[in-house]
Amino acid sequence: MALAALPDAVAPKKTGNVKYAFTCAILPSMASVILGYDFGVMSGAALYIKKDLEITDVQLEILIGVLNLYSLVGSFAAGRTSDWIGRRYTVIFAAAIFFAGALIMGFAVDYGMLMAGRFVAGVGMGYAIMIAPVYTAEISPASARGLLTSFTDLFINFGILLGYVSNYAFSRLPLHLGWRVMLGVGAAPSALLGLMVVGMPESPRWLVMKGRHADARVVLEKTSDTPEEAAERLVDIKAAAGIPKDLDGDEVTVPKDQSSHEMRVWKELLSRTPAMRRILLTALGVQFFQQASGIDSVVLYSPQVFKSAGITDDDRLLGTTCAVGGTKTLFILAATFLVDRVGRRPLLLCSNGGMLVSLIGLGTGLTIVGRRPDANIPWAVALCIVSILAYVSFFSIGLGPVTGMYTSEIFPLRVRALGFAVGVACNRVTSGVISMTFLSLSKAITIGGCFFLYAGIAVVAWVFYYTYLPETRGRTLEEMGKLFGMADTSTEAEDAVPKEKGVEMPNRETAATLS
């Protein structure tokens, strides 16, 4: 058994191991800083890009929102890349793509070159969205997985705040230079991230999939609360990978017929079994409703929203936008400590309910101001500001951190990379539709009507969370299938895999791919 293979010198070291897992979770999550920075900085830079390049509202909303569609390339490619070169080197690759995209945007001379830079940055964003939560979920012990996985969204919010601050800091530069500096500065954290991630350990689950059980055991011993837990986690991972419990070799032969494995994983993910169907629909649902409730309209277009509320001075616009970023960051900090104490489901319900009330308040305030554009209505302006701050606060304690965390937890190991990539694809398509239609939609149904529409979607989302989502707090990743009615993975493994030294692994996790 795996427990017997543990060295005698290994002793419980809870405090040190938690700190090590904490460090391992922080580093890949820092990729999200670059992602958040791009979201935040574009909201303010868009004001100056439109003036400098003399583009239309339609061109502007496409420029802002198309990044989400470009990210689909990265999110699907990241699954294959992470299974090929490992989770760690995939983070480094994502940082390199971000670096190139930021430089292209910073030196853009026209709209076409700027769109090219957005494409490169979008691919990097897709890599970061997919790989950071998966790596963190796979390396974290169950007792702290919620806290550690929520770092991804914490750093996204921190990046958004940095983007808003960058808007404010460089807004006084000449028009042709200011927005280029805002976008180009994003290359610096990309380079820093690539250097810092070199020292990270590889995901133990990826190591098991590659047959490197000795290396996986070393990582598990460093990131588990006790040696016994490390041994149990290794047994569970091997079972989920289709390796029998009594096979305890340090190296296991893994077949290289990648294409057939990819087909098996696609077939399993899209199978008609009730358990897998529910897992897939759950992942798609939480990813869709996170974006369909309008968060990108607030984050990406906050200066335009505040301008509609009656704040017209650029400095006041960008300063108020910074307050939005600061509020989001503070509340996501609170969420990181609540998610493993309160649970995922209660946070989602509370978050969505608060967002619903805030959207109604924001829609009401904007409608009143819009009907009397020449009048000074301080209480309506105040209602808009308070509603936006409340909206991003409630988003940050639930839908923000829990969505990616929940999706990375619920898929079985053998389909996790692909399943998460499909969920991210749904998220990015929804985000792209929302962000590329907001300006046009606001002209068609008024800006207040847009937020009433998002409020209606939030009602449907609350019902979905309440009726469809089980609680996952405190469960190991290998136990998640039972919540959705899936058979025990260890039993399936022993039935499916012959007990011999060269092991065929028909249920091996493969990457999320585009065939």
Protein backbone atom coordinates (compact mmCIF):
# COMPACT_ATOMS: atom_id res chain seq x y z
CA MET A 1 0.00 0.00 0.00
CA ALA A 2 1.03 3.61 -0.51
CA LEU A 3 1.10 4.22 3.23
CA ALA A 4 3.79 1.61 3.74
CA ALA A 5 5.94 3.25 1.13
CA LEU A 6 6.23 6.48 3.09
CA PRO A 7 9.71 7.09 4.48
CA ASP A 8 10.09 6.69 8.22
CA ALA A 9 11.58 10.15 8.44
CA VAL A 10 8.38 11.79 7.26
CA ALA A 11 6.56 13.29 10.23
CA PRO A 12 3.43 15.40 10.58
CA LYS A 13 4.20 19.05 9.94
CA LYS A 14 0.87 20.78 9.60
CA THR A 15 2.03 24.39 9.87
CA GLY A 16 4.88 24.10 7.40
CA ASN A 17 2.79 22.18 4.91
CA VAL A 18 -0.03 24.72 4.99
CA LYS A 19 2.48 27.50 4.36
CA TYR A 20 4.00 25.56 1.47
CA ALA A 21 0.57 24.91 -0.09
CA PHE A 22 -0.25 28.58 0.48
CA THR A 23 2.84 29.65 -1.46
CA CYS A 24 2.14 27.16 -4.24
CA ALA A 25 -1.40 28.55 -4.61
CA ILE A 26 -0.32 32.20 -4.65
CA LEU A 27 2.19 31.92 -7.50
CA PRO A 28 -0.07 30.55 -10.29
CA SER A 29 -2.93 32.74 -9.07
CA MET A 30 -0.75 35.76 -9.82
CA ALA A 31 -1.44 35.08 -13.51
CA SER A 32 -4.88 36.42 -12.69
CA VAL A 33 -3.37 39.80 -11.75
CA ILE A 34 -2.47 40.31 -15.41
CA LEU A 35 -5.95 39.24 -16.48
CA GLY A 36 -7.59 41.61 -14.00
CA TYR A 37 -5.26 44.44 -14.99
CA ASP A 38 -6.33 44.17 -18.61
CA PHE A 39 -10.01 44.31 -17.64
CA GLY A 40 -9.52 47.27 -15.33
CA VAL A 41 -7.17 49.33 -17.46
CA MET A 42 -9.28 48.98 -20.59
CA SER A 43 -12.30 50.56 -18.89
CA GLY A 44 -10.46 53.89 -18.56
CA ALA A 45 -8.16 53.57 -21.57
CA ALA A 46 -11.24 53.17 -23.77
CA LEU A 47 -12.14 56.83 -23.13
CA TYR A 48 -8.84 57.98 -24.63
CA ILE A 49 -8.61 55.32 -27.37
CA LYS A 50 -11.93 56.49 -28.77
CA LYS A 51 -10.74 60.11 -28.87
CA ASP A 52 -7.26 59.36 -30.24
CA LEU A 53 -8.17 56.80 -32.91
CA GLU A 54 -11.57 58.38 -33.65
CA ILE A 55 -13.47 55.09 -33.59
CA THR A 56 -17.21 54.49 -33.24
CA ASP A 57 -19.07 53.04 -30.24
CA VAL A 58 -19.49 49.74 -32.10
CA GLN A 59 -15.74 49.52 -32.79
CA LEU A 60 -15.05 50.38 -29.16
CA GLU A 61 -17.33 47.72 -27.67
CA ILE A 62 -15.88 45.13 -30.06
CA LEU A 63 -12.36 46.15 -29.02
CA ILE A 64 -13.26 45.79 -25.34
CA GLY A 65 -15.34 42.63 -25.52
CA VAL A 66 -13.62 40.59 -28.24
CA LEU A 67 -10.85 39.66 -25.79
CA ASN A 68 -13.30 37.20 -24.23
CA LEU A 69 -13.86 35.42 -27.54
CA TYR A 70 -10.13 35.34 -28.31
CA SER A 71 -9.60 33.72 -24.91
CA LEU A 72 -11.46 30.61 -26.14
CA VAL A 73 -8.39 29.71 -28.17
CA GLY A 74 -6.23 29.87 -25.05
CA SER A 75 -8.65 28.11 -22.72
CA PHE A 76 -8.97 25.04 -24.98
CA ALA A 77 -5.30 24.99 -25.94
CA ALA A 78 -4.36 25.26 -22.25
CA GLY A 79 -5.93 21.89 -21.49
CA ARG A 80 -3.77 20.08 -24.03
CA THR A 81 -0.71 22.16 -23.18
CA SER A 82 -1.06 21.54 -19.43
CA ASP A 83 -1.35 17.78 -19.94
CA TRP A 84 1.60 17.82 -22.31
CA ILE A 85 4.17 20.02 -20.54
CA GLY A 86 2.59 20.19 -17.07
CA ARG A 87 0.58 22.77 -15.13
CA ARG A 88 3.66 24.73 -14.01
CA TYR A 89 5.18 25.36 -17.44
CA THR A 90 1.75 26.21 -18.79
CA VAL A 91 1.57 29.12 -16.32
CA ILE A 92 4.96 30.32 -17.61
CA PHE A 93 3.74 30.00 -21.20
CA ALA A 94 0.63 32.04 -20.35
CA ALA A 95 2.82 34.78 -18.85
CA ALA A 96 4.91 34.90 -22.04
CA ILE A 97 1.80 35.32 -24.21
CA PHE A 98 0.51 38.10 -21.96
CA PHE A 99 3.89 39.82 -22.19
CA ALA A 100 3.81 39.82 -26.00
CA GLY A 101 0.19 41.01 -26.12
CA ALA A 102 0.85 43.93 -23.76
CA LEU A 103 3.81 45.10 -25.84
CA ILE A 104 1.84 44.95 -29.09
CA MET A 105 -1.01 46.99 -27.58
CA GLY A 106 1.41 49.47 -26.04
CA PHE A 107 3.10 50.13 -29.40
CA ALA A 108 -0.11 50.00 -31.49
CA VAL A 109 -0.28 52.70 -34.15
CA ASP A 110 -3.82 52.05 -35.37
CA TYR A 111 -7.02 50.13 -34.63
CA GLY A 112 -5.89 47.03 -36.55
CA MET A 113 -2.65 46.66 -34.60
CA LEU A 114 -4.52 47.23 -31.36
CA MET A 115 -6.92 44.41 -32.27
CA ALA A 116 -3.93 42.16 -33.02
CA GLY A 117 -2.56 42.89 -29.55
CA ARG A 118 -5.98 42.11 -28.07
CA PHE A 119 -5.93 38.74 -29.84
CA VAL A 120 -2.55 37.78 -28.38
CA ALA A 121 -3.54 39.01 -24.91
CA GLY A 122 -6.85 37.14 -25.22
CA VAL A 123 -5.09 33.84 -25.87
CA GLY A 124 -2.96 34.45 -22.77
CA MET A 125 -6.07 35.27 -20.78
CA GLY A 126 -7.64 31.96 -21.81
CA TYR A 127 -4.57 30.09 -20.59
CA ALA A 128 -4.59 31.92 -17.26
CA ILE A 129 -8.33 31.45 -16.63
CA MET A 130 -8.06 27.72 -17.20
CA ILE A 131 -4.76 26.74 -15.61
CA ALA A 132 -4.59 28.77 -12.39
CA PRO A 133 -7.73 27.32 -10.68
CA VAL A 134 -7.01 23.78 -11.89
CA TYR A 135 -3.44 23.80 -10.58
CA THR A 136 -4.47 25.31 -7.25
CA ALA A 137 -7.35 22.85 -6.76
CA GLU A 138 -5.11 19.89 -7.57
CA ILE A 139 -2.29 20.84 -5.22
CA SER A 140 -4.38 21.99 -2.24
CA PRO A 141 -5.46 19.77 0.70
CA ALA A 142 -9.24 19.47 1.11
CA SER A 143 -9.17 21.38 4.41
CA ALA A 144 -7.93 24.58 2.73
CA ARG A 145 -8.86 24.12 -0.93
CA GLY A 146 -11.64 26.72 -0.85
CA LEU A 147 -9.35 29.35 0.67
CA LEU A 148 -6.45 28.60 -1.67
CA THR A 149 -8.55 28.34 -4.83
CA SER A 150 -10.20 31.68 -4.10
CA PHE A 151 -6.79 33.34 -4.51
CA THR A 152 -7.42 33.31 -8.27
CA ASP A 153 -10.37 35.67 -7.99
CA LEU A 154 -8.62 37.70 -5.28
CA PHE A 155 -5.78 38.44 -7.67
CA ILE A 156 -8.18 39.18 -10.54
CA ASN A 157 -9.76 41.86 -8.36
CA PHE A 158 -6.36 43.16 -7.31
CA GLY A 159 -5.40 43.38 -10.99
CA ILE A 160 -8.62 45.27 -11.77
CA LEU A 161 -7.78 47.74 -9.00
CA LEU A 162 -4.27 48.19 -10.41
CA GLY A 163 -5.80 48.84 -13.83
CA TYR A 164 -8.08 51.53 -12.42
CA VAL A 165 -5.15 53.13 -10.57
CA SER A 166 -3.12 53.04 -13.79
CA ASN A 167 -5.95 54.88 -15.59
CA TYR A 168 -5.90 57.59 -12.95
CA ALA A 169 -2.09 57.82 -12.79
CA PHE A 170 -1.48 58.11 -16.55
CA SER A 171 -4.60 60.08 -17.51
CA ARG A 172 -2.67 63.36 -17.49
CA LEU A 173 -0.18 62.22 -20.14
CA PRO A 174 -0.68 63.48 -23.72
CA LEU A 175 -3.65 61.84 -25.43
CA HIS A 176 -1.59 59.81 -27.91
CA LEU A 177 0.71 58.51 -25.16
CA GLY A 178 -1.48 57.97 -22.08
CA TRP A 179 -3.55 54.97 -23.20
CA ARG A 180 -0.50 53.29 -24.76
CA VAL A 181 1.39 53.49 -21.47
CA MET A 182 -1.67 52.18 -19.60
CA LEU A 183 -1.78 49.08 -21.80
CA GLY A 184 1.97 48.57 -22.22
CA VAL A 185 2.71 48.58 -18.49
CA GLY A 186 0.96 45.19 -18.30
CA ALA A 187 4.10 43.57 -19.73
CA ALA A 188 6.05 44.13 -16.48
CA PRO A 189 4.04 41.81 -14.17
CA SER A 190 3.99 39.17 -16.94
CA ALA A 191 7.78 38.98 -16.96
CA LEU A 192 7.91 38.88 -13.15
CA LEU A 193 5.37 36.06 -13.01
CA GLY A 194 7.29 33.92 -15.50
CA LEU A 195 10.43 34.14 -13.36
CA MET A 196 8.68 33.43 -10.05
CA VAL A 197 6.77 30.35 -11.22
CA VAL A 198 9.95 28.45 -12.18
CA GLY A 199 10.37 27.29 -8.57
CA MET A 200 6.84 25.85 -8.20
CA PRO A 201 6.29 22.09 -7.81
CA GLU A 202 4.27 20.23 -10.41
CA SER A 203 0.68 19.16 -9.75
CA PRO A 204 0.66 15.71 -8.05
CA ARG A 205 -2.34 14.68 -10.11
CA TRP A 206 -0.52 15.49 -13.35
CA LEU A 207 2.51 13.54 -12.11
CA VAL A 208 0.31 10.51 -11.42
CA MET A 209 -1.20 10.77 -14.91
CA LYS A 210 2.35 10.67 -16.30
CA GLY A 211 3.23 7.61 -14.18
CA ARG A 212 5.62 9.55 -11.90
CA HIS A 213 4.23 8.31 -8.59
CA ALA A 214 7.39 8.90 -6.56
CA ASP A 215 7.46 12.57 -7.56
CA ALA A 216 3.74 12.85 -6.84
CA ARG A 217 4.24 11.37 -3.38
CA VAL A 218 6.93 13.96 -2.57
CA VAL A 219 4.63 16.85 -3.53
CA LEU A 220 1.70 15.38 -1.59
CA GLU A 221 3.82 14.99 1.53
CA LYS A 222 4.71 18.69 1.31
CA THR A 223 1.15 19.91 0.75
CA SER A 224 -0.94 17.60 2.98
CA ASP A 225 -1.77 18.15 6.64
CA THR A 226 -0.37 14.75 7.69
CA PRO A 227 1.61 11.88 6.12
CA GLU A 228 -1.49 9.72 6.39
CA GLU A 229 -3.51 12.25 4.39
CA ALA A 230 -0.75 12.34 1.74
CA ALA A 231 -0.95 8.57 1.38
CA GLU A 232 -4.74 8.63 1.19
CA ARG A 233 -4.68 11.38 -1.43
CA LEU A 234 -2.24 9.38 -3.55
CA VAL A 235 -4.46 6.29 -3.37
CA ASP A 236 -7.52 8.36 -4.32
CA ILE A 237 -5.74 10.02 -7.25
CA LYS A 238 -4.52 6.66 -8.57
CA ALA A 239 -8.02 5.24 -8.29
CA ALA A 240 -9.52 8.20 -10.15
CA ALA A 241 -6.85 7.74 -12.84
CA GLY A 242 -7.82 4.09 -13.29
CA ILE A 243 -4.87 2.54 -11.40
CA PRO A 244 -5.66 -0.26 -8.87
CA LYS A 245 -4.89 0.34 -5.20
CA ASP A 246 -2.44 -2.57 -4.91
CA LEU A 247 -0.22 -1.26 -7.71
CA ASP A 248 2.37 0.76 -5.83
CA GLY A 249 5.28 1.18 -8.20
CA ASP A 250 7.05 4.53 -8.41
CA GLU A 251 6.96 4.47 -12.20
CA VAL A 252 3.99 3.24 -14.24
CA THR A 253 3.98 2.82 -18.00
CA VAL A 254 1.52 5.20 -19.62
CA PRO A 255 0.28 4.57 -23.18
CA LYS A 256 0.90 7.30 -25.72
CA ASP A 257 -2.11 6.90 -27.99
CA GLN A 258 -3.17 10.46 -27.20
CA SER A 259 -5.85 10.81 -29.86
CA SER A 260 -7.81 7.78 -28.70
CA HIS A 261 -7.65 8.99 -25.11
CA GLU A 262 -8.89 12.40 -26.16
CA MET A 263 -11.86 10.80 -27.89
CA ARG A 264 -12.64 8.74 -24.78
CA VAL A 265 -12.58 11.83 -22.60
CA TRP A 266 -14.87 13.75 -24.95
CA LYS A 267 -17.27 10.79 -25.06
CA GLU A 268 -17.26 10.51 -21.27
CA LEU A 269 -17.84 14.21 -20.76
CA LEU A 270 -20.73 14.21 -23.23
CA SER A 271 -22.11 10.86 -22.08
CA ARG A 272 -25.78 10.50 -21.24
CA THR A 273 -25.24 9.16 -17.74
CA PRO A 274 -27.31 11.20 -15.26
CA ALA A 275 -24.33 11.96 -13.01
CA MET A 276 -22.04 13.31 -15.74
CA ARG A 277 -24.89 15.21 -17.37
CA ARG A 278 -25.67 16.91 -14.07
CA ILE A 279 -22.02 17.77 -13.45
CA LEU A 280 -21.68 19.30 -16.92
CA LEU A 281 -24.93 21.27 -16.67
CA THR A 282 -23.94 22.51 -13.21
CA ALA A 283 -20.58 23.76 -14.50
CA LEU A 284 -22.15 25.44 -17.54
CA GLY A 285 -24.88 26.98 -15.38
CA VAL A 286 -22.61 28.59 -12.78
CA GLN A 287 -20.26 29.89 -15.49
CA PHE A 288 -23.11 31.31 -17.58
CA PHE A 289 -24.94 33.06 -14.76
CA GLN A 290 -21.75 34.62 -13.38
CA GLN A 291 -21.40 36.67 -16.57
CA ALA A 292 -25.05 36.97 -17.64
CA SER A 293 -25.80 38.94 -14.47
CA GLY A 294 -23.85 41.87 -15.95
CA ILE A 295 -20.57 42.04 -14.03
CA ASP A 296 -18.52 42.91 -17.11
CA SER A 297 -20.86 45.78 -17.96
CA VAL A 298 -19.98 47.31 -14.58
CA VAL A 299 -16.25 46.50 -14.61
CA LEU A 300 -15.52 47.37 -18.24
CA TYR A 301 -17.94 50.27 -18.65
CA SER A 302 -17.97 51.79 -15.16
CA PRO A 303 -16.81 55.24 -16.42
CA GLN A 304 -19.67 55.27 -18.96
CA VAL A 305 -22.15 54.14 -16.28
CA PHE A 306 -21.00 56.85 -13.88
CA LYS A 307 -21.18 59.39 -16.70
CA SER A 308 -24.79 58.37 -17.32
CA ALA A 309 -25.41 58.84 -13.59
CA GLY A 310 -24.32 62.48 -13.86
CA ILE A 311 -20.56 62.38 -13.13
CA THR A 312 -18.90 64.04 -16.13
CA ASP A 313 -15.42 65.19 -15.02
CA ASP A 314 -12.68 62.70 -16.09
CA ASP A 315 -10.83 62.86 -12.77
CA ARG A 316 -14.01 62.22 -10.80
CA LEU A 317 -14.98 59.43 -13.19
CA LEU A 318 -11.68 57.62 -12.82
CA GLY A 319 -11.53 58.30 -9.07
CA THR A 320 -14.99 56.82 -8.54
CA THR A 321 -13.99 53.86 -10.69
CA CYS A 322 -10.99 53.30 -8.40
CA ALA A 323 -13.45 53.12 -5.50
CA VAL A 324 -15.22 50.28 -7.33
CA GLY A 325 -11.93 48.38 -7.67
CA GLY A 326 -11.04 48.95 -4.02
CA THR A 327 -14.43 47.75 -2.85
CA LYS A 328 -14.21 44.58 -4.96
CA THR A 329 -10.76 43.77 -3.58
CA LEU A 330 -11.78 44.28 0.07
CA PHE A 331 -14.81 42.02 -0.22
CA ILE A 332 -12.98 39.28 -2.07
CA LEU A 333 -10.56 39.23 0.87
CA ALA A 334 -13.50 38.51 3.16
CA ALA A 335 -14.72 35.76 0.82
CA THR A 336 -11.40 33.92 0.96
CA PHE A 337 -11.90 33.29 4.67
CA LEU A 338 -15.62 32.52 4.45
CA VAL A 339 -15.66 29.98 1.65
CA ASP A 340 -14.33 27.05 3.74
CA ARG A 341 -16.35 28.05 6.81
CA VAL A 342 -19.72 28.95 5.33
CA GLY A 343 -19.62 26.80 2.20
CA ARG A 344 -19.98 27.40 -1.53
CA ARG A 345 -23.76 27.17 -1.86
CA PRO A 346 -24.72 29.67 0.90
CA LEU A 347 -22.24 32.21 -0.47
CA LEU A 348 -23.67 31.86 -3.98
CA LEU A 349 -27.24 32.35 -2.76
CA CYS A 350 -26.37 35.34 -0.57
CA SER A 351 -24.21 36.89 -3.28
CA ASN A 352 -26.81 36.50 -6.02
CA GLY A 353 -29.61 37.86 -3.82
CA GLY A 354 -27.62 40.97 -2.94
CA MET A 355 -26.70 41.52 -6.59
CA LEU A 356 -30.37 41.29 -7.56
CA VAL A 357 -31.36 44.06 -5.13
CA SER A 358 -28.38 46.18 -6.24
CA LEU A 359 -29.25 45.81 -9.93
CA ILE A 360 -32.81 46.96 -9.28
CA GLY A 361 -31.48 49.99 -7.38
CA LEU A 362 -28.98 50.81 -10.13
CA GLY A 363 -31.59 50.45 -12.88
CA THR A 364 -33.97 52.71 -10.95
CA GLY A 365 -31.36 55.43 -10.35
CA LEU A 366 -30.13 55.44 -13.96
CA THR A 367 -33.68 55.55 -15.31
CA ILE A 368 -34.59 58.56 -13.15
CA VAL A 369 -31.40 60.44 -14.13
CA GLY A 370 -31.89 59.52 -17.78
CA ARG A 371 -35.43 60.89 -17.90
CA ARG A 372 -34.31 64.27 -16.51
CA PRO A 373 -30.81 64.77 -17.97
CA ASP A 374 -30.79 68.52 -17.33
CA ALA A 375 -31.90 68.28 -13.69
CA ASN A 376 -29.64 67.83 -10.70
CA ILE A 377 -30.97 64.86 -8.69
CA PRO A 378 -28.37 64.15 -5.97
CA TRP A 379 -30.28 61.28 -4.38
CA ALA A 380 -30.55 59.43 -7.70
CA VAL A 381 -26.83 59.89 -8.38
CA ALA A 382 -26.07 58.65 -4.85
CA LEU A 383 -28.37 55.65 -5.42
CA CYS A 384 -26.43 54.74 -8.57
CA ILE A 385 -23.06 54.96 -6.80
CA VAL A 386 -24.21 53.00 -3.73
CA SER A 387 -25.88 50.37 -5.93
CA ILE A 388 -22.73 49.83 -8.01
CA LEU A 389 -20.56 49.51 -4.89
CA ALA A 390 -23.09 47.10 -3.34
CA TYR A 391 -23.28 45.12 -6.57
CA VAL A 392 -19.54 44.55 -6.86
CA SER A 393 -19.36 43.80 -3.12
CA PHE A 394 -21.97 41.06 -3.30
CA PHE A 395 -20.41 39.69 -6.49
CA SER A 396 -17.02 39.50 -4.78
CA ILE A 397 -18.22 37.46 -1.80
CA GLY A 398 -19.86 34.76 -3.90
CA LEU A 399 -20.15 34.59 -7.67
CA GLY A 400 -16.65 35.98 -8.20
CA PRO A 401 -14.52 33.47 -6.25
CA VAL A 402 -16.90 30.52 -6.04
CA THR A 403 -17.66 30.04 -9.75
CA GLY A 404 -14.17 29.00 -10.85
CA MET A 405 -13.56 27.14 -7.58
CA TYR A 406 -16.77 25.13 -7.88
CA THR A 407 -16.15 24.25 -11.54
CA SER A 408 -12.59 23.08 -10.85
CA GLU A 409 -13.83 20.82 -8.03
CA ILE A 410 -16.78 18.90 -9.42
CA PHE A 411 -15.37 17.15 -12.52
CA PRO A 412 -13.76 13.71 -12.17
CA LEU A 413 -9.99 13.69 -12.63
CA ARG A 414 -10.04 12.05 -16.04
CA VAL A 415 -12.23 14.81 -17.55
CA ARG A 416 -11.27 17.72 -15.30
CA ALA A 417 -9.07 19.65 -17.72
CA LEU A 418 -11.55 19.30 -20.57
CA GLY A 419 -14.60 19.92 -18.37
CA PHE A 420 -13.13 23.06 -16.87
CA ALA A 421 -12.14 24.32 -20.33
CA VAL A 422 -15.71 23.81 -21.59
CA GLY A 423 -17.01 25.74 -18.57
CA VAL A 424 -14.55 28.56 -19.20
CA ALA A 425 -15.60 28.63 -22.86
CA CYS A 426 -19.22 29.14 -21.80
CA ASN A 427 -18.09 31.89 -19.40
CA ARG A 428 -16.03 33.72 -22.02
CA VAL A 429 -18.69 33.52 -24.76
CA THR A 430 -21.29 34.91 -22.36
CA SER A 431 -18.89 37.63 -21.24
CA GLY A 432 -18.09 38.49 -24.84
CA VAL A 433 -21.75 38.81 -25.76
CA ILE A 434 -22.46 41.02 -22.72
CA SER A 435 -19.45 43.29 -23.19
CA MET A 436 -19.76 43.62 -26.99
CA THR A 437 -23.46 44.55 -26.86
CA PHE A 438 -23.68 46.82 -23.80
CA LEU A 439 -23.31 50.17 -25.57
CA SER A 440 -25.67 49.17 -28.38
CA LEU A 441 -28.16 47.62 -25.94
CA SER A 442 -28.13 50.71 -23.75
CA LYS A 443 -29.10 52.83 -26.76
CA ALA A 444 -31.93 50.43 -27.61
CA ILE A 445 -33.52 49.92 -24.15
CA THR A 446 -31.71 52.67 -22.15
CA ILE A 447 -28.84 52.05 -19.78
CA GLY A 448 -31.25 51.62 -16.86
CA GLY A 449 -33.16 49.01 -18.88
CA CYS A 450 -29.94 47.01 -19.31
CA PHE A 451 -29.58 46.60 -15.56
CA PHE A 452 -33.25 45.68 -15.13
CA LEU A 453 -32.60 42.97 -17.73
CA TYR A 454 -29.61 41.71 -15.74
CA ALA A 455 -31.79 41.71 -12.63
CA GLY A 456 -34.25 39.38 -14.36
CA ILE A 457 -31.41 37.01 -15.23
CA ALA A 458 -30.26 37.14 -11.58
CA VAL A 459 -33.68 35.87 -10.47
CA VAL A 460 -33.32 32.81 -12.70
CA ALA A 461 -29.75 32.32 -11.43
CA TRP A 462 -30.87 32.30 -7.78
CA VAL A 463 -33.46 29.60 -8.51
CA PHE A 464 -30.80 27.54 -10.33
CA TYR A 465 -28.33 27.76 -7.43
CA TYR A 466 -31.01 26.88 -4.88
CA THR A 467 -32.43 23.86 -6.70
CA TYR A 468 -29.46 22.36 -8.54
CA LEU A 469 -26.18 22.84 -6.69
CA PRO A 470 -24.95 20.48 -3.93
CA GLU A 471 -22.49 21.69 -1.28
CA THR A 472 -18.85 20.63 -1.89
CA ARG A 473 -17.15 22.11 1.18
CA GLY A 474 -14.73 19.71 2.92
CA ARG A 475 -14.89 17.03 0.22
CA THR A 476 -11.79 15.71 -1.53
CA LEU A 477 -11.74 16.05 -5.30
CA GLU A 478 -12.06 12.29 -5.62
CA GLU A 479 -15.29 12.29 -3.55
CA MET A 480 -17.12 14.86 -5.67
CA GLY A 481 -18.68 12.31 -8.01
CA LYS A 482 -20.73 10.82 -5.18
CA LEU A 483 -22.52 14.16 -4.68
CA PHE A 484 -23.86 13.87 -8.21
CA GLY A 485 -24.72 10.17 -8.05
CA MET A 486 -21.57 8.83 -9.66
CA ALA A 487 -20.29 5.35 -8.80
CA ASP A 488 -17.22 4.97 -6.59
CA THR A 489 -14.12 5.68 -8.66
CA SER A 490 -11.91 3.22 -6.85
CA THR A 491 -14.31 0.35 -7.57
CA GLU A 492 -14.48 1.35 -11.21
CA ALA A 493 -10.73 1.44 -11.41
CA GLU A 494 -10.22 -2.04 -10.01
CA ASP A 495 -12.86 -3.48 -12.34
CA ALA A 496 -11.56 -1.71 -15.42
CA VAL A 497 -7.79 -2.05 -15.13
CA PRO A 498 -5.78 -5.29 -15.23
CA LYS A 499 -3.41 -5.72 -12.28
CA GLU A 500 -0.02 -5.88 -13.92
CA LYS A 501 3.03 -3.72 -13.94
CA GLY A 502 2.55 -2.07 -17.31
CA VAL A 503 -0.79 -0.44 -16.79
CA GLU A 504 -3.23 0.61 -19.47
CA MET A 505 -5.11 3.65 -18.27
CA PRO A 506 -8.29 3.95 -20.32
CA ASN A 507 -9.73 6.55 -17.99
CA ARG A 508 -6.67 8.76 -17.93
CA GLU A 509 -7.36 12.49 -17.83
CA THR A 510 -6.51 14.19 -21.10
CA ALA A 511 -6.29 17.77 -22.07
CA ALA A 512 -9.01 20.08 -23.21
CA THR A 513 -8.41 20.09 -26.93
CA LEU A 514 -9.59 21.43 -30.23
CA SER A 515 -9.42 18.44 -32.58
